Amino acid sequence: MNNVFYSIIVVCLNAGERLHDTIESILQQKYSNYEIIVKDGGSSDGSVEELQAAFQDERMHIHIRKDNGIYDAMNQAVQLAQGEYDLFLNAGDSFYDETVLDKITEEIERIKNENKKADVIYGNLYHKALDTIIYAAPEINDFTCYRNVPCHQTCFYHRSMFETRGYKPEYNVRADYEHFLWCFYEKKAKIWYVPVIVASYEGGGYSETKENKKRSARQHREIVVRYMGRKKADKYRWIMLLTLAPLRSAIADNKYLSGIYNGLKTAIYKVMKKGS
């Protein structure tokens, strides 16, 4: 397939019906110039065979090959992708609605018509488990990078962001975070927020287990010191502690309080944007 604009990448292993649901949401997009790269690590649950039987679409390409985890699988998939922009959806996640790619395409064209580069485009996320919309920060800066970068399910990466290197699998929980900071600090990527709800996130992912949360904290520290330096990383760490970040995270993860919290956070973002 030539001149593909989007490569929608789905990596999976024994994903069951969740894989079917994700692919179905992609194929429901009104915008049609995309390919689907399904990178399977060797499933034994019949999910890939069921997928092949359910969807006969030439835009879907299934590649079965062993890998060493989710980030190794994502790196393998990038090498197979032909699109100008790459988006990673996990099995179980989906596009928020059928107009997402139409809206993102309009935004990319608007940016390019202003003779500006669009290296990374990101939007907002709907959290299924919490039944709330998580609005991304409208500007990427040092503090945003320390605190919370956009989820990879909402980030459209220009293929040039993977030309010289992919994810670092040694960061087995935080490789997508590390790569985003690499794009910002090393590649000097032009990163744009667009007010579009991109994906519906299933919740309960790989990084959310108790053990991986501990790994995540360790890897986060190593990554921010690498890109920001210890002095700046320590400053932001103290700011997070003094502003009760652990408590705010607990509220954000609470099904009954997350909607209120994210609403307040969004209002603050809007005020900050007007003042900038």
Protein backbone atom coordinates (compact mmCIF):
# COMPACT_ATOMS: atom_id res chain seq x y z
CA MET A 1 0.00 0.00 0.00
CA ASN A 2 1.52 3.34 -1.09
CA ASN A 3 1.10 6.81 0.44
CA VAL A 4 -0.48 5.51 3.63
CA PHE A 5 -1.07 8.37 6.04
CA TYR A 6 -1.57 6.45 9.30
CA SER A 7 -0.20 3.19 10.61
CA ILE A 8 -2.36 2.04 13.50
CA ILE A 9 -0.24 -0.43 15.44
CA VAL A 10 -1.74 -3.06 17.74
CA VAL A 11 0.61 -5.41 19.58
CA CYS A 12 -0.91 -8.39 21.31
CA LEU A 13 -0.47 -11.80 22.90
CA ASN A 14 -3.46 -13.98 23.78
CA ALA A 15 -5.72 -10.92 23.78
CA GLY A 16 -8.98 -12.81 23.12
CA GLU A 17 -12.06 -10.76 22.20
CA ARG A 18 -10.30 -7.57 23.24
CA LEU A 19 -8.25 -7.72 20.05
CA HIS A 20 -11.40 -8.11 17.95
CA ASP A 21 -12.99 -5.06 19.62
CA THR A 22 -9.92 -2.89 19.01
CA ILE A 23 -9.68 -3.78 15.32
CA GLU A 24 -13.40 -3.22 14.86
CA SER A 25 -13.12 0.31 16.27
CA ILE A 26 -10.31 1.08 13.81
CA LEU A 27 -12.25 -0.22 10.83
CA GLN A 28 -15.22 1.97 11.81
CA GLN A 29 -13.21 5.12 11.14
CA LYS A 30 -14.71 7.31 8.41
CA TYR A 31 -11.24 8.38 7.30
CA SER A 32 -9.87 5.50 5.27
CA ASN A 33 -6.22 6.18 4.39
CA TYR A 34 -4.62 4.00 7.03
CA GLU A 35 -3.18 0.57 7.57
CA ILE A 36 -3.48 -1.68 10.60
CA ILE A 37 -0.36 -3.46 11.78
CA VAL A 38 -1.25 -6.32 14.11
CA LYS A 39 1.95 -7.57 15.73
CA ASP A 40 1.24 -10.81 17.56
CA GLY A 41 3.82 -12.47 19.76
CA GLY A 42 2.60 -16.01 19.06
CA SER A 43 -0.85 -16.28 20.59
CA SER A 44 -2.25 -19.70 21.44
CA ASP A 45 -5.81 -18.62 22.29
CA GLY A 46 -7.11 -18.54 18.72
CA SER A 47 -7.57 -14.76 18.76
CA VAL A 48 -5.52 -14.18 15.60
CA GLU A 49 -7.34 -16.89 13.66
CA GLU A 50 -10.67 -15.43 14.76
CA LEU A 51 -9.51 -12.00 13.67
CA GLN A 52 -8.56 -13.25 10.22
CA ALA A 53 -11.95 -14.91 9.86
CA ALA A 54 -13.92 -11.89 11.09
CA PHE A 55 -12.28 -9.12 9.04
CA GLN A 56 -11.31 -9.38 5.40
CA ASP A 57 -9.74 -5.98 4.85
CA GLU A 58 -6.61 -5.39 2.76
CA ARG A 59 -5.54 -2.59 5.09
CA MET A 60 -5.00 -5.06 7.95
CA HIS A 61 -1.64 -6.82 8.07
CA ILE A 62 -1.00 -9.53 10.66
CA HIS A 63 2.56 -10.37 11.61
CA ILE A 64 3.30 -13.24 13.99
CA ARG A 65 6.74 -13.24 15.54
CA LYS A 66 8.10 -13.86 19.02
CA ASP A 67 9.20 -10.83 20.98
CA ASN A 68 10.69 -9.92 24.33
CA GLY A 69 7.77 -7.90 25.63
CA ILE A 70 5.47 -5.07 24.65
CA TYR A 71 8.14 -2.53 23.70
CA ASP A 72 10.15 -5.00 21.65
CA ALA A 73 6.88 -5.85 19.88
CA MET A 74 6.19 -2.17 19.24
CA ASN A 75 9.68 -1.72 17.80
CA GLN A 76 9.15 -4.68 15.49
CA ALA A 77 5.82 -3.22 14.36
CA VAL A 78 7.33 0.21 13.59
CA GLN A 79 9.77 -1.45 11.20
CA LEU A 80 6.81 -2.87 9.29
CA ALA A 81 4.77 0.34 9.20
CA GLN A 82 4.41 2.37 5.99
CA GLY A 83 2.38 5.32 7.24
CA GLU A 84 3.47 8.92 7.66
CA TYR A 85 2.20 8.84 11.23
CA ASP A 86 2.19 5.99 13.75
CA LEU A 87 -0.33 5.46 16.54
CA PHE A 88 -0.18 2.63 19.08
CA LEU A 89 -3.43 1.17 20.41
CA ASN A 90 -3.25 -1.65 22.91
CA ALA A 91 -5.59 -4.62 22.53
CA GLY A 92 -8.67 -3.65 24.54
CA ASP A 93 -8.36 0.05 23.73
CA SER A 94 -10.30 1.71 20.92
CA PHE A 95 -10.83 4.97 19.09
CA TYR A 96 -13.24 7.22 20.97
CA ASP A 97 -15.56 7.51 17.99
CA GLU A 98 -15.55 7.02 14.21
CA THR A 99 -14.47 10.62 13.44
CA VAL A 100 -11.12 10.64 15.30
CA LEU A 101 -8.88 10.24 12.24
CA ASP A 102 -10.91 12.84 10.32
CA LYS A 103 -10.38 15.36 13.13
CA ILE A 104 -6.68 14.60 13.57
CA THR A 105 -6.11 14.87 9.81
CA GLU A 106 -7.76 18.30 9.76
CA GLU A 107 -5.50 19.47 12.58
CA ILE A 108 -2.34 18.15 10.92
CA GLU A 109 -3.28 19.85 7.65
CA ARG A 110 -3.97 23.12 9.48
CA ILE A 111 -0.55 23.02 11.15
CA LYS A 112 1.22 22.18 7.89
CA ASN A 113 -0.67 24.94 6.03
CA GLU A 114 0.92 27.37 8.50
CA ASN A 115 4.32 26.03 7.35
CA LYS A 116 4.96 24.42 10.72
CA LYS A 117 6.28 20.96 11.47
CA ALA A 118 4.03 18.41 13.12
CA ASP A 119 6.32 15.80 14.64
CA VAL A 120 3.97 14.65 17.39
CA ILE A 121 0.25 15.31 17.63
CA TYR A 122 -1.55 14.40 20.85
CA GLY A 123 -5.04 14.71 22.28
CA ASN A 124 -7.22 13.57 25.16
CA LEU A 125 -8.16 10.18 26.58
CA TYR A 126 -11.40 8.61 27.76
CA HIS A 127 -10.79 6.21 30.68
CA LYS A 128 -13.36 3.42 30.43
CA ALA A 129 -12.90 2.05 33.93
CA LEU A 130 -13.25 5.48 35.56
CA ASP A 131 -15.87 6.69 33.06
CA THR A 132 -14.15 10.05 32.71
CA ILE A 133 -12.24 12.09 30.15
CA ILE A 134 -8.61 12.75 31.02
CA TYR A 135 -7.56 16.01 29.40
CA ALA A 136 -3.92 16.34 28.43
CA ALA A 137 -1.82 19.38 29.27
CA PRO A 138 -2.09 21.84 26.36
CA GLU A 139 1.63 22.62 26.44
CA ILE A 140 4.70 20.41 26.75
CA ASN A 141 7.39 21.90 28.98
CA ASP A 142 9.83 20.69 31.65
CA PHE A 143 7.18 20.36 34.33
CA THR A 144 4.76 18.59 32.00
CA CYS A 145 7.51 16.15 31.09
CA TYR A 146 8.26 15.49 34.74
CA ARG A 147 4.65 15.20 35.85
CA ASN A 148 2.77 13.38 33.13
CA VAL A 149 3.19 13.18 29.36
CA PRO A 150 0.31 12.12 27.09
CA CYS A 151 -0.54 8.41 26.89
CA HIS A 152 0.85 6.68 23.81
CA GLN A 153 -2.73 5.81 22.80
CA THR A 154 -3.30 9.51 22.12
CA CYS A 155 0.00 10.34 20.38
CA PHE A 156 0.45 10.37 16.61
CA TYR A 157 4.18 10.20 15.89
CA HIS A 158 5.63 11.24 12.57
CA ARG A 159 7.64 8.31 11.25
CA SER A 160 10.83 10.38 11.55
CA MET A 161 10.53 10.05 15.35
CA PHE A 162 11.46 6.38 14.94
CA GLU A 163 14.02 6.60 12.14
CA THR A 164 17.14 6.65 14.30
CA ARG A 165 15.89 4.70 17.34
CA GLY A 166 12.79 3.10 18.80
CA TYR A 167 11.69 2.34 22.32
CA LYS A 168 14.28 1.18 24.86
CA PRO A 169 12.93 -2.19 26.10
CA GLU A 170 15.16 -2.06 29.18
CA TYR A 171 12.60 0.43 30.50
CA ASN A 172 10.04 -2.33 30.62
CA VAL A 173 7.33 -0.10 32.12
CA ARG A 174 8.39 3.40 31.06
CA ALA A 175 9.84 3.02 27.54
CA ASP A 176 7.05 5.07 25.94
CA TYR A 177 7.65 7.83 28.51
CA GLU A 178 11.40 7.75 27.86
CA HIS A 179 10.84 7.93 24.11
CA PHE A 180 8.53 10.93 24.44
CA LEU A 181 11.18 12.79 26.46
CA TRP A 182 13.81 11.80 23.90
CA CYS A 183 11.64 13.29 21.15
CA PHE A 184 11.22 16.51 23.13
CA TYR A 185 14.74 17.01 24.47
CA GLU A 186 16.98 15.27 21.93
CA LYS A 187 15.06 15.47 18.65
CA LYS A 188 13.62 18.90 19.47
CA ALA A 189 10.32 17.63 18.13
CA LYS A 190 7.51 20.05 17.35
CA ILE A 191 4.72 18.72 19.55
CA TRP A 192 1.13 19.90 19.22
CA TYR A 193 -1.92 19.45 21.42
CA VAL A 194 -5.26 19.15 19.63
CA PRO A 195 -8.62 19.27 21.48
CA VAL A 196 -9.72 15.83 20.29
CA ILE A 197 -10.62 12.80 22.42
CA VAL A 198 -8.50 10.24 20.62
CA ALA A 199 -8.82 6.93 22.41
CA SER A 200 -10.86 5.01 24.94
CA TYR A 201 -8.46 3.40 27.38
CA GLU A 202 -9.42 0.07 28.88
CA GLY A 203 -7.61 0.56 32.19
CA GLY A 204 -5.81 -2.01 34.29
CA GLY A 205 -2.88 -2.17 31.89
CA TYR A 206 0.57 -3.67 32.22
CA SER A 207 2.02 -0.67 34.06
CA GLU A 208 -0.75 -0.58 36.67
CA THR A 209 0.08 -3.71 38.64
CA LYS A 210 1.50 -3.18 42.13
CA GLU A 211 4.96 -4.46 41.22
CA ASN A 212 5.13 -2.47 38.00
CA LYS A 213 4.13 0.72 39.80
CA LYS A 214 7.30 0.31 41.86
CA ARG A 215 9.34 -0.27 38.72
CA SER A 216 7.65 2.72 37.12
CA ALA A 217 8.75 5.01 39.95
CA ARG A 218 12.36 3.82 39.73
CA GLN A 219 12.47 4.16 35.96
CA HIS A 220 10.80 7.57 36.07
CA ARG A 221 13.54 8.85 38.38
CA GLU A 222 16.30 7.53 36.16
CA ILE A 223 14.74 8.98 33.01
CA VAL A 224 14.07 12.49 34.36
CA VAL A 225 17.57 12.78 35.81
CA ARG A 226 18.98 11.75 32.45
CA TYR A 227 17.06 14.37 30.45
CA MET A 228 16.63 17.20 32.99
CA GLY A 229 19.56 16.78 35.32
CA ARG A 230 19.41 15.93 39.01
CA LYS A 231 18.92 19.50 40.24
CA LYS A 232 15.85 20.18 38.12
CA ALA A 233 14.43 16.71 38.74
CA ASP A 234 14.77 17.24 42.50
CA LYS A 235 13.04 20.62 42.26
CA TYR A 236 10.02 19.14 40.49
CA ARG A 237 9.96 16.21 42.90
CA TRP A 238 9.61 18.60 45.83
CA ILE A 239 6.93 20.59 44.02
CA MET A 240 4.93 17.39 43.49
CA LEU A 241 5.28 16.44 47.15
CA LEU A 242 4.35 19.89 48.43
CA THR A 243 1.27 20.00 46.18
CA LEU A 244 0.08 16.64 47.51
CA ALA A 245 0.63 14.73 44.28
CA PRO A 246 0.06 11.27 45.86
CA LEU A 247 -3.32 12.42 47.20
CA ARG A 248 -4.27 13.98 43.88
CA SER A 249 -3.34 10.75 42.08
CA ALA A 250 -5.56 8.76 44.43
CA ILE A 251 -8.45 11.13 43.72
CA ALA A 252 -7.82 10.94 39.96
CA ASP A 253 -7.93 7.13 40.12
CA ASN A 254 -11.18 7.07 42.11
CA LYS A 255 -14.21 6.21 39.99
CA TYR A 256 -16.47 8.63 41.86
CA LEU A 257 -14.08 11.56 42.15
CA SER A 258 -12.05 11.39 38.94
CA GLY A 259 -14.62 13.30 36.88
CA ILE A 260 -14.60 16.26 39.27
CA TYR A 261 -10.81 16.21 39.51
CA ASN A 262 -10.28 16.12 35.75
CA GLY A 263 -12.84 18.88 35.30
CA LEU A 264 -10.94 21.14 37.68
CA LYS A 265 -7.62 20.24 36.06
CA THR A 266 -9.01 21.13 32.63
CA ALA A 267 -10.27 24.49 33.89
CA ILE A 268 -6.79 25.26 35.26
CA TYR A 269 -5.21 24.31 31.92
CA LYS A 270 -7.54 26.73 30.12
CA VAL A 271 -6.65 29.59 32.49
CA MET A 272 -2.92 28.86 32.10
CA LYS A 273 -3.25 28.80 28.31
CA LYS A 274 -5.04 32.18 28.25
CA GLY A 275 -2.33 33.67 30.44
CA SER A 276 0.54 32.40 28.36
